[in-house]
């Protein structure tokens, strides 16, 4: 587990079992307090870790988005900087322990002071699933393998 900066965290084991619609992480990142610059010389990454596999009684589709706003990115009217592809609830990338690691886009549109994470569920309700989500200068990419495996 990487060392996490509290000020760069959007979600800590956030349950995302929800009806179709858009949800937002309750926690936002204040770029002023966090002391990071998405357009700076050091690459910044969004990391989404699945802490409980996604399930659905139907055929739910899930997307993640990174937003910013001058006041709160967790409402309509925010700027969307990144939106993932639409994942079917049974996509292996939404399985327990999986990570989605995305380098933050730089340039235009400019990032506003507060950043947030949005989760868009469509087509059906997800009945289980939870995530950690945070920004990192050094995303975790290490993976353990059984002894003797290459």
N, C-alpha and C. Protein backbone atom coordinates (compact mmCIF):
# COMPACT_ATOMS: atom_id res chain seq x y z
N UNK A 1 0.84 -1.18 0.00
CA UNK A 1 0.00 0.00 0.00
C UNK A 1 0.88 1.24 0.00
N UNK A 2 0.64 2.16 -0.91
CA UNK A 2 1.46 3.37 -0.95
C UNK A 2 1.15 4.30 0.22
N UNK A 3 2.09 5.15 0.52
CA UNK A 3 1.88 6.18 1.53
C UNK A 3 0.97 7.24 0.91
N UNK A 4 -0.16 7.52 1.55
CA UNK A 4 -1.14 8.44 0.98
C UNK A 4 -1.12 9.77 1.70
N UNK A 5 -1.29 10.83 0.94
CA UNK A 5 -1.42 12.16 1.50
C UNK A 5 -2.91 12.44 1.69
N UNK A 6 -3.32 12.68 2.92
CA UNK A 6 -4.72 12.92 3.25
C UNK A 6 -5.33 14.02 2.37
N UNK A 7 -4.54 15.04 2.05
CA UNK A 7 -5.05 16.17 1.28
C UNK A 7 -5.25 15.85 -0.20
N UNK A 8 -4.80 14.67 -0.64
CA UNK A 8 -4.94 14.28 -2.05
C UNK A 8 -5.95 13.16 -2.25
N UNK A 9 -6.72 12.85 -1.21
CA UNK A 9 -7.62 11.71 -1.24
C UNK A 9 -9.07 12.13 -1.51
N UNK A 10 -9.70 11.45 -2.47
CA UNK A 10 -11.12 11.67 -2.78
C UNK A 10 -12.01 10.66 -2.05
N UNK A 11 -11.55 9.43 -1.94
CA UNK A 11 -12.40 8.37 -1.39
C UNK A 11 -11.55 7.33 -0.66
N UNK A 12 -12.07 6.89 0.47
CA UNK A 12 -11.45 5.83 1.25
C UNK A 12 -12.50 4.75 1.48
N UNK A 13 -12.44 3.71 0.65
CA UNK A 13 -13.39 2.61 0.71
C UNK A 13 -14.83 3.11 0.52
N UNK A 14 -15.01 4.00 -0.44
CA UNK A 14 -16.31 4.60 -0.75
C UNK A 14 -17.21 3.58 -1.43
N UNK A 15 -18.38 3.31 -0.85
CA UNK A 15 -19.36 2.41 -1.46
C UNK A 15 -19.99 3.12 -2.65
N UNK A 16 -20.00 2.46 -3.78
CA UNK A 16 -20.57 3.06 -4.99
C UNK A 16 -21.70 2.18 -5.54
N UNK A 17 -22.40 1.49 -4.63
CA UNK A 17 -23.59 0.75 -5.04
C UNK A 17 -24.73 1.76 -5.10
N UNK A 18 -25.21 1.98 -6.31
CA UNK A 18 -26.17 3.06 -6.50
C UNK A 18 -27.07 2.81 -7.69
N UNK A 19 -28.22 3.48 -7.66
CA UNK A 19 -29.13 3.47 -8.80
C UNK A 19 -28.50 4.30 -9.91
N UNK A 20 -29.03 4.15 -11.10
CA UNK A 20 -28.52 4.92 -12.23
C UNK A 20 -28.56 6.40 -11.90
N UNK A 21 -27.49 7.09 -12.21
CA UNK A 21 -27.39 8.51 -11.92
C UNK A 21 -25.94 8.89 -11.66
N UNK A 22 -25.72 10.11 -11.21
CA UNK A 22 -24.38 10.61 -10.94
C UNK A 22 -24.21 10.86 -9.45
N UNK A 23 -23.13 10.31 -8.91
CA UNK A 23 -22.75 10.54 -7.52
C UNK A 23 -21.40 11.24 -7.50
N UNK A 24 -21.11 11.92 -6.41
CA UNK A 24 -19.82 12.60 -6.25
C UNK A 24 -19.19 12.17 -4.95
N UNK A 25 -17.87 12.10 -4.94
CA UNK A 25 -17.18 11.81 -3.69
C UNK A 25 -17.45 12.97 -2.74
N UNK A 26 -17.62 12.67 -1.46
CA UNK A 26 -17.88 13.72 -0.48
C UNK A 26 -16.63 14.55 -0.23
N UNK A 27 -15.47 13.98 -0.48
CA UNK A 27 -14.21 14.66 -0.23
C UNK A 27 -13.69 15.29 -1.53
N UNK A 28 -13.25 16.52 -1.43
CA UNK A 28 -12.64 17.20 -2.56
C UNK A 28 -11.18 17.50 -2.24
N UNK A 29 -10.41 17.77 -3.28
CA UNK A 29 -9.01 18.15 -3.10
C UNK A 29 -8.89 19.64 -3.38
N UNK A 30 -8.43 20.38 -2.39
CA UNK A 30 -8.18 21.82 -2.54
C UNK A 30 -6.75 21.96 -3.04
N UNK A 31 -6.59 22.34 -4.29
CA UNK A 31 -5.25 22.41 -4.87
C UNK A 31 -4.35 23.41 -4.15
N UNK A 32 -4.94 24.43 -3.53
CA UNK A 32 -4.15 25.40 -2.77
C UNK A 32 -3.57 24.75 -1.51
N UNK A 33 -4.41 24.05 -0.75
CA UNK A 33 -3.97 23.37 0.48
C UNK A 33 -3.07 22.19 0.16
N UNK A 34 -3.39 21.43 -0.88
CA UNK A 34 -2.64 20.22 -1.21
C UNK A 34 -1.24 20.55 -1.72
N UNK A 35 -1.06 21.74 -2.28
CA UNK A 35 0.26 22.13 -2.77
C UNK A 35 0.71 21.39 -4.01
N UNK A 36 -0.22 20.96 -4.84
CA UNK A 36 0.13 20.31 -6.10
C UNK A 36 -0.41 21.12 -7.26
N UNK A 37 0.24 20.97 -8.41
CA UNK A 37 -0.16 21.68 -9.60
C UNK A 37 -0.31 20.68 -10.74
N UNK A 38 -1.53 20.40 -11.18
CA UNK A 38 -1.73 19.44 -12.26
C UNK A 38 -1.02 19.83 -13.55
N UNK A 39 -0.71 21.11 -13.72
CA UNK A 39 0.00 21.57 -14.91
C UNK A 39 1.48 21.79 -14.64
N UNK A 40 1.97 21.35 -13.48
CA UNK A 40 3.37 21.54 -13.11
C UNK A 40 4.31 20.59 -13.85
N UNK A 41 5.57 20.67 -13.49
CA UNK A 41 6.59 19.86 -14.16
C UNK A 41 6.55 18.39 -13.74
N UNK A 42 6.00 18.09 -12.56
CA UNK A 42 5.87 16.71 -12.11
C UNK A 42 4.51 16.16 -12.52
N UNK A 43 4.52 14.98 -13.13
CA UNK A 43 3.29 14.34 -13.57
C UNK A 43 2.46 13.91 -12.36
N UNK A 44 1.18 14.18 -12.40
CA UNK A 44 0.25 13.83 -11.34
C UNK A 44 -0.73 12.79 -11.89
N UNK A 45 -1.07 11.81 -11.07
CA UNK A 45 -1.92 10.71 -11.50
C UNK A 45 -3.16 10.60 -10.63
N UNK A 46 -4.26 10.21 -11.26
CA UNK A 46 -5.46 9.82 -10.53
C UNK A 46 -5.41 8.31 -10.40
N UNK A 47 -5.57 7.82 -9.17
CA UNK A 47 -5.56 6.38 -8.90
C UNK A 47 -6.91 6.00 -8.32
N UNK A 48 -7.56 5.03 -8.94
CA UNK A 48 -8.82 4.49 -8.44
C UNK A 48 -8.57 3.00 -8.18
N UNK A 49 -8.72 2.59 -6.92
CA UNK A 49 -8.49 1.20 -6.53
C UNK A 49 -9.83 0.58 -6.13
N UNK A 50 -10.11 -0.59 -6.66
CA UNK A 50 -11.36 -1.28 -6.33
C UNK A 50 -11.15 -2.06 -5.03
N UNK A 51 -11.90 -1.70 -3.98
CA UNK A 51 -11.77 -2.36 -2.68
C UNK A 51 -12.87 -3.40 -2.45
N UNK A 52 -13.91 -3.37 -3.25
CA UNK A 52 -14.95 -4.42 -3.26
C UNK A 52 -15.45 -4.49 -4.70
N UNK A 53 -15.48 -5.70 -5.24
CA UNK A 53 -15.86 -5.90 -6.63
C UNK A 53 -17.27 -5.35 -6.91
N UNK A 54 -17.46 -4.88 -8.12
CA UNK A 54 -18.76 -4.35 -8.54
C UNK A 54 -19.68 -5.50 -8.93
N UNK A 55 -20.94 -5.39 -8.54
CA UNK A 55 -21.96 -6.36 -8.94
C UNK A 55 -23.23 -5.59 -9.32
N UNK A 56 -24.10 -6.28 -10.05
CA UNK A 56 -25.36 -5.67 -10.45
C UNK A 56 -26.38 -6.76 -10.71
N UNK A 57 -27.63 -6.50 -10.35
CA UNK A 57 -28.70 -7.44 -10.66
C UNK A 57 -29.09 -7.30 -12.14
N UNK A 58 -28.71 -6.20 -12.74
CA UNK A 58 -28.99 -5.96 -14.16
C UNK A 58 -27.69 -5.88 -14.94
N UNK A 59 -27.58 -4.89 -15.79
CA UNK A 59 -26.39 -4.73 -16.63
C UNK A 59 -25.83 -3.32 -16.43
N UNK A 60 -25.49 -3.00 -15.19
CA UNK A 60 -25.01 -1.65 -14.87
C UNK A 60 -23.72 -1.32 -15.60
N UNK A 61 -23.58 -0.05 -15.92
CA UNK A 61 -22.38 0.49 -16.56
C UNK A 61 -21.88 1.61 -15.66
N UNK A 62 -20.56 1.66 -15.42
CA UNK A 62 -19.98 2.64 -14.51
C UNK A 62 -18.89 3.44 -15.22
N UNK A 63 -18.88 4.75 -14.97
CA UNK A 63 -17.84 5.65 -15.46
C UNK A 63 -17.34 6.48 -14.29
N UNK A 64 -16.07 6.85 -14.36
CA UNK A 64 -15.48 7.73 -13.36
C UNK A 64 -15.05 9.01 -14.05
N UNK A 65 -15.13 10.12 -13.34
CA UNK A 65 -14.72 11.40 -13.91
C UNK A 65 -13.96 12.24 -12.90
N UNK A 66 -13.04 13.05 -13.39
CA UNK A 66 -12.30 13.99 -12.56
C UNK A 66 -12.78 15.39 -12.93
N UNK A 67 -13.22 16.15 -11.92
CA UNK A 67 -13.80 17.47 -12.17
C UNK A 67 -13.11 18.53 -11.32
N UNK A 68 -13.32 19.78 -11.69
CA UNK A 68 -12.85 20.88 -10.84
C UNK A 68 -13.83 22.04 -10.93
N UNK A 69 -13.77 22.89 -9.91
CA UNK A 69 -14.65 24.05 -9.86
C UNK A 69 -14.06 25.07 -8.89
N UNK A 70 -14.46 26.31 -9.02
CA UNK A 70 -13.97 27.36 -8.12
C UNK A 70 -14.57 27.23 -6.73
N UNK A 71 -15.75 26.64 -6.62
CA UNK A 71 -16.42 26.52 -5.32
C UNK A 71 -16.49 25.07 -4.88
N UNK A 72 -17.22 24.24 -5.61
CA UNK A 72 -17.28 22.81 -5.31
C UNK A 72 -17.46 22.04 -6.61
N UNK A 73 -16.61 21.04 -6.85
CA UNK A 73 -16.73 20.27 -8.09
C UNK A 73 -17.81 19.20 -8.02
N UNK A 74 -18.52 19.13 -6.90
CA UNK A 74 -19.49 18.07 -6.71
C UNK A 74 -20.92 18.50 -6.97
N UNK A 75 -21.06 19.38 -7.94
CA UNK A 75 -22.38 19.82 -8.38
C UNK A 75 -22.34 19.97 -9.90
N UNK A 76 -23.46 20.26 -10.48
CA UNK A 76 -23.46 20.54 -11.91
C UNK A 76 -22.74 21.86 -12.15
N UNK A 77 -22.26 22.07 -13.34
CA UNK A 77 -21.57 23.31 -13.67
C UNK A 77 -20.06 23.24 -13.49
N UNK A 78 -19.54 22.08 -13.09
CA UNK A 78 -18.11 21.92 -12.92
C UNK A 78 -17.43 21.67 -14.28
N UNK A 79 -16.11 21.75 -14.29
CA UNK A 79 -15.33 21.42 -15.49
C UNK A 79 -14.92 19.96 -15.40
N UNK A 80 -15.15 19.20 -16.46
CA UNK A 80 -14.74 17.81 -16.50
C UNK A 80 -13.37 17.74 -17.20
N UNK A 81 -12.38 17.20 -16.50
CA UNK A 81 -11.03 17.10 -17.05
C UNK A 81 -10.76 15.72 -17.63
N UNK A 82 -11.42 14.71 -17.08
CA UNK A 82 -11.22 13.35 -17.57
C UNK A 82 -12.49 12.56 -17.28
N UNK A 83 -12.87 11.73 -18.23
CA UNK A 83 -14.00 10.83 -18.05
C UNK A 83 -13.57 9.47 -18.59
N UNK A 84 -13.69 8.45 -17.76
CA UNK A 84 -13.27 7.11 -18.17
C UNK A 84 -14.19 6.56 -19.24
N UNK A 85 -13.75 5.47 -19.81
CA UNK A 85 -14.65 4.73 -20.68
C UNK A 85 -15.76 4.15 -19.80
N UNK A 86 -16.80 3.67 -20.41
CA UNK A 86 -17.91 3.06 -19.67
C UNK A 86 -17.55 1.59 -19.43
N UNK A 87 -17.46 1.21 -18.14
CA UNK A 87 -17.13 -0.16 -17.76
C UNK A 87 -18.41 -0.92 -17.45
N UNK A 88 -18.60 -2.09 -18.06
CA UNK A 88 -19.69 -2.96 -17.65
C UNK A 88 -19.39 -3.42 -16.23
N UNK A 89 -20.42 -3.62 -15.40
CA UNK A 89 -20.22 -3.96 -13.99
C UNK A 89 -19.36 -5.21 -13.83
N UNK A 90 -19.38 -6.12 -14.81
CA UNK A 90 -18.61 -7.36 -14.68
C UNK A 90 -17.27 -7.29 -15.41
N UNK A 91 -16.86 -6.10 -15.82
CA UNK A 91 -15.55 -5.92 -16.45
C UNK A 91 -14.47 -6.28 -15.42
N UNK A 92 -13.48 -7.03 -15.83
CA UNK A 92 -12.42 -7.47 -14.91
C UNK A 92 -11.72 -6.27 -14.25
N UNK A 93 -11.72 -5.13 -14.90
CA UNK A 93 -11.06 -3.94 -14.34
C UNK A 93 -11.82 -3.37 -13.14
N UNK A 94 -13.03 -3.85 -12.88
CA UNK A 94 -13.78 -3.44 -11.70
C UNK A 94 -13.80 -4.54 -10.64
N UNK A 95 -12.88 -5.50 -10.77
CA UNK A 95 -12.76 -6.58 -9.80
C UNK A 95 -11.93 -6.16 -8.60
N UNK A 96 -12.08 -6.89 -7.52
CA UNK A 96 -11.35 -6.62 -6.28
C UNK A 96 -9.85 -6.49 -6.54
N UNK A 97 -9.27 -5.41 -6.03
CA UNK A 97 -7.83 -5.21 -6.12
C UNK A 97 -7.35 -4.55 -7.41
N UNK A 98 -8.24 -4.35 -8.35
CA UNK A 98 -7.84 -3.73 -9.62
C UNK A 98 -7.61 -2.23 -9.44
N UNK A 99 -6.76 -1.67 -10.28
CA UNK A 99 -6.48 -0.23 -10.24
C UNK A 99 -6.65 0.38 -11.62
N UNK A 100 -7.19 1.57 -11.61
CA UNK A 100 -7.24 2.40 -12.81
C UNK A 100 -6.31 3.57 -12.49
N UNK A 101 -5.25 3.70 -13.28
CA UNK A 101 -4.26 4.76 -13.06
C UNK A 101 -4.22 5.63 -14.30
N UNK A 102 -4.48 6.92 -14.10
CA UNK A 102 -4.61 7.84 -15.23
C UNK A 102 -3.73 9.07 -15.01
N UNK A 103 -2.83 9.39 -15.94
CA UNK A 103 -2.11 10.65 -15.82
C UNK A 103 -3.08 11.81 -16.02
N UNK A 104 -3.02 12.81 -15.15
CA UNK A 104 -3.94 13.94 -15.28
C UNK A 104 -3.64 14.71 -16.56
N UNK A 105 -4.68 15.05 -17.30
CA UNK A 105 -4.48 15.87 -18.50
C UNK A 105 -3.95 17.24 -18.10
N UNK A 106 -3.07 17.78 -18.90
CA UNK A 106 -2.54 19.12 -18.64
C UNK A 106 -3.02 20.06 -19.72
N UNK A 107 -2.88 21.35 -19.47
CA UNK A 107 -3.28 22.35 -20.46
C UNK A 107 -4.70 22.80 -20.24
N UNK A 108 -5.44 22.87 -21.32
CA UNK A 108 -6.78 23.41 -21.30
C UNK A 108 -7.80 22.28 -21.23
N UNK A 109 -8.88 22.42 -20.49
CA UNK A 109 -9.27 23.57 -19.69
C UNK A 109 -8.45 23.64 -18.40
N UNK A 110 -8.27 24.83 -17.90
CA UNK A 110 -7.48 25.04 -16.68
C UNK A 110 -8.17 24.41 -15.48
N UNK A 111 -7.38 23.90 -14.56
CA UNK A 111 -7.93 23.37 -13.32
C UNK A 111 -8.33 24.51 -12.41
N UNK A 112 -9.51 24.37 -11.82
CA UNK A 112 -9.95 25.35 -10.84
C UNK A 112 -9.51 24.87 -9.46
N UNK A 113 -9.77 25.64 -8.42
CA UNK A 113 -9.21 25.38 -7.10
C UNK A 113 -9.56 24.01 -6.51
N UNK A 114 -10.81 23.59 -6.63
CA UNK A 114 -11.26 22.34 -6.00
C UNK A 114 -11.46 21.24 -7.03
N UNK A 115 -10.91 20.07 -6.74
CA UNK A 115 -11.06 18.92 -7.62
C UNK A 115 -11.95 17.88 -6.94
N UNK A 116 -12.71 17.15 -7.74
CA UNK A 116 -13.58 16.12 -7.20
C UNK A 116 -13.66 14.92 -8.12
N UNK A 117 -14.23 13.86 -7.60
CA UNK A 117 -14.42 12.62 -8.36
C UNK A 117 -15.90 12.39 -8.52
N UNK A 118 -16.32 12.09 -9.75
CA UNK A 118 -17.73 11.74 -9.94
C UNK A 118 -17.82 10.32 -10.46
N UNK A 119 -18.91 9.67 -10.09
CA UNK A 119 -19.17 8.30 -10.50
C UNK A 119 -20.53 8.29 -11.18
N UNK A 120 -20.55 7.87 -12.44
CA UNK A 120 -21.79 7.84 -13.22
C UNK A 120 -22.18 6.39 -13.43
N UNK A 121 -23.39 6.03 -12.96
CA UNK A 121 -23.92 4.69 -13.13
C UNK A 121 -25.10 4.78 -14.08
N UNK A 122 -25.13 3.88 -15.06
CA UNK A 122 -26.24 3.90 -16.01
C UNK A 122 -26.70 2.48 -16.33
N UNK A 123 -27.83 2.39 -16.96
CA UNK A 123 -28.45 1.15 -17.45
C UNK A 123 -29.09 0.30 -16.36
N UNK A 124 -28.52 0.27 -15.16
CA UNK A 124 -29.09 -0.50 -14.05
C UNK A 124 -28.40 -0.08 -12.76
N UNK A 125 -28.87 -0.60 -11.65
CA UNK A 125 -28.30 -0.31 -10.33
C UNK A 125 -27.11 -1.23 -10.07
N UNK A 126 -26.04 -0.67 -9.49
CA UNK A 126 -24.97 -1.53 -8.99
C UNK A 126 -25.38 -1.94 -7.57
N UNK A 127 -25.19 -3.22 -7.25
CA UNK A 127 -25.60 -3.73 -5.94
C UNK A 127 -24.43 -3.84 -4.97
N UNK A 128 -23.21 -3.71 -5.47
CA UNK A 128 -22.01 -3.70 -4.62
C UNK A 128 -20.88 -3.06 -5.40
N UNK A 129 -19.88 -2.65 -4.67
CA UNK A 129 -18.69 -2.05 -5.26
C UNK A 129 -18.22 -0.90 -4.38
N UNK A 130 -16.92 -0.83 -4.17
CA UNK A 130 -16.36 0.30 -3.43
C UNK A 130 -14.95 0.58 -3.93
N UNK A 131 -14.50 1.84 -3.69
CA UNK A 131 -13.22 2.28 -4.23
C UNK A 131 -12.46 3.15 -3.24
N UNK A 132 -11.16 3.20 -3.45
CA UNK A 132 -10.30 4.25 -2.94
C UNK A 132 -9.97 5.10 -4.15
N UNK A 133 -9.84 6.40 -3.98
CA UNK A 133 -9.46 7.27 -5.09
C UNK A 133 -8.62 8.41 -4.55
N UNK A 134 -7.51 8.68 -5.21
CA UNK A 134 -6.60 9.72 -4.74
C UNK A 134 -5.69 10.18 -5.87
N UNK A 135 -5.01 11.30 -5.64
CA UNK A 135 -4.00 11.80 -6.56
C UNK A 135 -2.63 11.36 -6.05
N UNK A 136 -1.72 11.08 -6.96
CA UNK A 136 -0.40 10.61 -6.56
C UNK A 136 0.65 11.09 -7.56
N UNK A 137 1.82 11.45 -7.03
CA UNK A 137 2.97 11.75 -7.89
C UNK A 137 3.68 10.46 -8.27
N UNK A 138 3.47 9.40 -7.50
CA UNK A 138 4.13 8.11 -7.70
C UNK A 138 3.11 7.00 -7.54
N UNK A 139 2.35 6.70 -8.60
CA UNK A 139 1.25 5.72 -8.46
C UNK A 139 1.79 4.31 -8.21
N UNK A 140 1.03 3.50 -7.47
CA UNK A 140 1.45 2.12 -7.17
C UNK A 140 1.29 1.24 -8.41
N UNK A 141 2.37 0.68 -8.86
CA UNK A 141 2.29 -0.22 -10.02
C UNK A 141 2.90 -1.57 -9.71
N UNK A 142 3.42 -1.74 -8.49
CA UNK A 142 4.04 -2.98 -8.11
C UNK A 142 2.99 -4.06 -7.92
N UNK A 143 3.29 -5.26 -8.34
CA UNK A 143 2.37 -6.38 -8.17
C UNK A 143 3.15 -7.59 -7.68
N UNK A 144 2.64 -8.27 -6.68
CA UNK A 144 3.28 -9.47 -6.15
C UNK A 144 2.98 -10.66 -7.04
N UNK A 145 4.00 -11.49 -7.26
CA UNK A 145 3.84 -12.72 -8.03
C UNK A 145 4.29 -13.91 -7.18
N UNK A 146 3.77 -15.11 -7.42
CA UNK A 146 4.23 -16.27 -6.68
C UNK A 146 5.71 -16.51 -6.94
N UNK A 147 6.39 -17.11 -5.97
CA UNK A 147 7.81 -17.39 -6.11
C UNK A 147 8.06 -18.21 -7.37
N UNK A 148 9.06 -17.81 -8.13
CA UNK A 148 9.43 -18.53 -9.35
C UNK A 148 8.67 -18.09 -10.59
N UNK A 149 7.67 -17.25 -10.44
CA UNK A 149 6.92 -16.77 -11.61
C UNK A 149 7.70 -15.63 -12.26
N UNK A 150 7.57 -15.54 -13.56
CA UNK A 150 8.28 -14.43 -14.24
C UNK A 150 7.32 -13.53 -14.93
